[in-house]
C-alpha cells in the first residue's frame, strides 16, 4: 500500500512539473517576443502587437464556445462509465464540433 501511495505521489509530482515547466517556457517565449517587438517596432509596435493579440484571443474564445472545457468533462465521464461505445460516440461528437 505504501509503495502504491508513493507511486501516486510521484505521478502527481511529475504531472505538476510538466505543467509548470510548460508554463515557464511559455512565459519566457512571451518575454523574448515582447522584447524583439519593442526593439524592432518601438512603443507603437508594442501597442499594435497587444491589440492584435487581444483581438485574436477574443476571436478564439468566441469561436471555441467552451468546447475544449466541456469536451474534457464529457470524455472523462464516458471513460468512467466503462462503456466503450459511449466513449467512441463522445469522441466522435467532440471531433465533429472541433472541425465544425
C-alpha atoms as a PDB file:
ATOM      1  CA  UNK A   1       0.000   0.000   0.000  1.00  0.00           C
ATOM      2  CA  UNK A   2       2.832   2.379   0.846  1.00  0.00           C
ATOM      3  CA  UNK A   3       4.608   1.841  -2.478  1.00  0.00           C
ATOM      4  CA  UNK A   4       1.324   2.392  -4.329  1.00  0.00           C
ATOM      5  CA  UNK A   5       0.819   5.676  -2.482  1.00  0.00           C
ATOM      6  CA  UNK A   6       4.377   6.737  -3.298  1.00  0.00           C
ATOM      7  CA  UNK A   7       3.781   5.881  -6.930  1.00  0.00           C
ATOM      8  CA  UNK A   8       0.670   8.071  -6.999  1.00  0.00           C
ATOM      9  CA  UNK A   9       2.558  10.971  -5.438  1.00  0.00           C
ATOM     10  CA  UNK A  10       5.376  10.594  -7.974  1.00  0.00           C
ATOM     11  CA  UNK A  11       2.854  10.631 -10.792  1.00  0.00           C
ATOM     12  CA  UNK A  12       1.199  13.770  -9.428  1.00  0.00           C
ATOM     13  CA  UNK A  13       4.564  15.458  -8.964  1.00  0.00           C
ATOM     14  CA  UNK A  14       5.648  14.534 -12.484  1.00  0.00           C
ATOM     15  CA  UNK A  15       2.417  15.905 -13.978  1.00  0.00           C
ATOM     16  CA  UNK A  16       2.709  19.115 -11.980  1.00  0.00           C
ATOM     17  CA  UNK A  17       6.339  19.543 -13.029  1.00  0.00           C
ATOM     18  CA  UNK A  18       5.474  19.087 -16.705  1.00  0.00           C
ATOM     19  CA  UNK A  19       2.607  21.570 -16.476  1.00  0.00           C
ATOM     20  CA  UNK A  20       4.683  24.089 -14.547  1.00  0.00           C
ATOM     21  CA  UNK A  21       7.622  23.688 -16.895  1.00  0.00           C
ATOM     22  CA  UNK A  22       5.462  24.321 -19.936  1.00  0.00           C
ATOM     23  CA  UNK A  23       4.094  27.464 -18.284  1.00  0.00           C
ATOM     24  CA  UNK A  24       7.634  28.718 -17.596  1.00  0.00           C
ATOM     25  CA  UNK A  25       8.654  28.082 -21.213  1.00  0.00           C
ATOM     26  CA  UNK A  26       5.544  29.899 -22.438  1.00  0.00           C
ATOM     27  CA  UNK A  27       6.310  32.915 -20.236  1.00  0.00           C
ATOM     28  CA  UNK A  28       9.917  33.041 -21.421  1.00  0.00           C
ATOM     29  CA  UNK A  29       8.840  32.903 -25.069  1.00  0.00           C
ATOM     30  CA  UNK A  30       6.381  35.749 -24.422  1.00  0.00           C
ATOM     31  CA  UNK A  31       9.121  37.851 -22.846  1.00  0.00           C
ATOM     32  CA  UNK A  32      11.510  37.274 -25.744  1.00  0.00           C
ATOM     33  CA  UNK A  33       8.782  38.038 -28.292  1.00  0.00           C
ATOM     34  CA  UNK A  34       7.840  41.262 -26.483  1.00  0.00           C
ATOM     35  CA  UNK A  35      11.475  42.339 -26.293  1.00  0.00           C
ATOM     36  CA  UNK A  36      12.015  41.735 -30.013  1.00  0.00           C
ATOM     37  CA  UNK A  37       8.866  43.688 -30.883  1.00  0.00           C
ATOM     38  CA  UNK A  38       9.900  46.518 -28.561  1.00  0.00           C
ATOM     39  CA  UNK A  39      13.357  46.729 -30.119  1.00  0.00           C
ATOM     40  CA  UNK A  40      12.183  46.493 -33.725  1.00  0.00           C
ATOM     41  CA  UNK A  41       8.943  48.493 -33.633  1.00  0.00           C
ATOM     42  CA  UNK A  42       9.125  50.628 -30.503  1.00  0.00           C
ATOM     43  CA  UNK A  43       6.227  51.669 -28.287  1.00  0.00           C
ATOM     44  CA  UNK A  44       3.721  51.950 -31.135  1.00  0.00           C
ATOM     45  CA  UNK A  45       4.590  48.431 -32.238  1.00  0.00           C
ATOM     46  CA  UNK A  46       4.060  47.141 -28.695  1.00  0.00           C
ATOM     47  CA  UNK A  47       0.588  48.690 -28.628  1.00  0.00           C
ATOM     48  CA  UNK A  48      -0.264  47.276 -32.034  1.00  0.00           C
ATOM     49  CA  UNK A  49       1.016  43.808 -31.109  1.00  0.00           C
ATOM     50  CA  UNK A  50      -1.006  43.874 -27.885  1.00  0.00           C
ATOM     51  CA  UNK A  51      -4.126  44.957 -29.765  1.00  0.00           C
ATOM     52  CA  UNK A  52      -3.722  42.170 -32.322  1.00  0.00           C
ATOM     53  CA  UNK A  53      -3.015  39.545 -29.636  1.00  0.00           C
ATOM     54  CA  UNK A  54      -6.110  40.534 -27.666  1.00  0.00           C
ATOM     55  CA  UNK A  55      -8.254  40.515 -30.802  1.00  0.00           C
ATOM     56  CA  UNK A  56      -7.123  37.034 -31.820  1.00  0.00           C
ATOM     57  CA  UNK A  57      -7.673  35.816 -28.241  1.00  0.00           C
ATOM     58  CA  UNK A  58     -11.262  37.139 -28.263  1.00  0.00           C
ATOM     59  CA  UNK A  59     -11.954  35.521 -31.641  1.00  0.00           C
ATOM     60  CA  UNK A  60     -10.519  32.198 -30.431  1.00  0.00           C
ATOM     61  CA  UNK A  61     -12.590  32.237 -27.254  1.00  0.00           C
ATOM     62  CA  UNK A  62     -15.762  33.143 -29.126  1.00  0.00           C
ATOM     63  CA  UNK A  63     -15.271  30.518 -31.823  1.00  0.00           C
ATOM     64  CA  UNK A  64     -14.470  27.680 -29.398  1.00  0.00           C
ATOM     65  CA  UNK A  65     -17.631  28.363 -27.340  1.00  0.00           C
ATOM     66  CA  UNK A  66     -16.212  26.348 -24.444  1.00  0.00           C
ATOM     67  CA  UNK A  67     -15.899  23.123 -26.462  1.00  0.00           C
ATOM     68  CA  UNK A  68     -12.425  22.495 -25.067  1.00  0.00           C
ATOM     69  CA  UNK A  69     -13.675  22.582 -21.461  1.00  0.00           C
ATOM     70  CA  UNK A  70     -16.827  20.548 -21.963  1.00  0.00           C
ATOM     71  CA  UNK A  71     -15.015  18.012 -24.141  1.00  0.00           C
ATOM     72  CA  UNK A  72     -12.667  17.087 -21.308  1.00  0.00           C
ATOM     73  CA  UNK A  73     -15.584  16.657 -18.902  1.00  0.00           C
ATOM     74  CA  UNK A  74     -17.669  14.601 -21.343  1.00  0.00           C
ATOM     75  CA  UNK A  75     -14.795  12.308 -22.313  1.00  0.00           C
ATOM     76  CA  UNK A  76     -13.873  11.766 -18.645  1.00  0.00           C
ATOM     77  CA  UNK A  77     -17.473  10.851 -17.823  1.00  0.00           C
ATOM     78  CA  UNK A  78     -17.653   8.458 -20.775  1.00  0.00           C
ATOM     79  CA  UNK A  79     -14.369   6.845 -19.717  1.00  0.00           C
ATOM     80  CA  UNK A  80     -15.587   6.482 -16.131  1.00  0.00           C
ATOM     81  CA  UNK A  81     -18.727   4.693 -17.309  1.00  0.00           C
ATOM     82  CA  UNK A  82     -16.511   1.944 -18.820  1.00  0.00           C
ATOM     83  CA  UNK A  83     -18.791   1.850 -21.855  1.00  0.00           C
ATOM     84  CA  UNK A  84     -16.580   1.759 -24.951  1.00  0.00           C
ATOM     85  CA  UNK A  85     -19.469   2.524 -27.313  1.00  0.00           C
ATOM     86  CA  UNK A  86     -20.420   5.612 -25.333  1.00  0.00           C
ATOM     87  CA  UNK A  87     -16.772   6.723 -25.265  1.00  0.00           C
ATOM     88  CA  UNK A  88     -16.458   6.238 -29.020  1.00  0.00           C
ATOM     89  CA  UNK A  89     -19.599   8.291 -29.692  1.00  0.00           C
ATOM     90  CA  UNK A  90     -18.443  11.052 -27.361  1.00  0.00           C
ATOM     91  CA  UNK A  91     -15.049  11.286 -29.056  1.00  0.00           C
ATOM     92  CA  UNK A  92     -16.674  11.365 -32.495  1.00  0.00           C
ATOM     93  CA  UNK A  93     -19.015  14.148 -31.377  1.00  0.00           C
ATOM     94  CA  UNK A  94     -16.139  16.181 -29.954  1.00  0.00           C
ATOM     95  CA  UNK A  95     -14.114  15.745 -33.151  1.00  0.00           C
ATOM     96  CA  UNK A  96     -17.103  16.890 -35.195  1.00  0.00           C
ATOM     97  CA  UNK A  97     -17.535  20.002 -33.042  1.00  0.00           C
ATOM     98  CA  UNK A  98     -13.849  20.821 -33.254  1.00  0.00           C
ATOM     99  CA  UNK A  99     -13.728  20.517 -37.029  1.00  0.00           C
ATOM    100  CA  UNK A 100     -17.019  22.404 -37.394  1.00  0.00           C
END
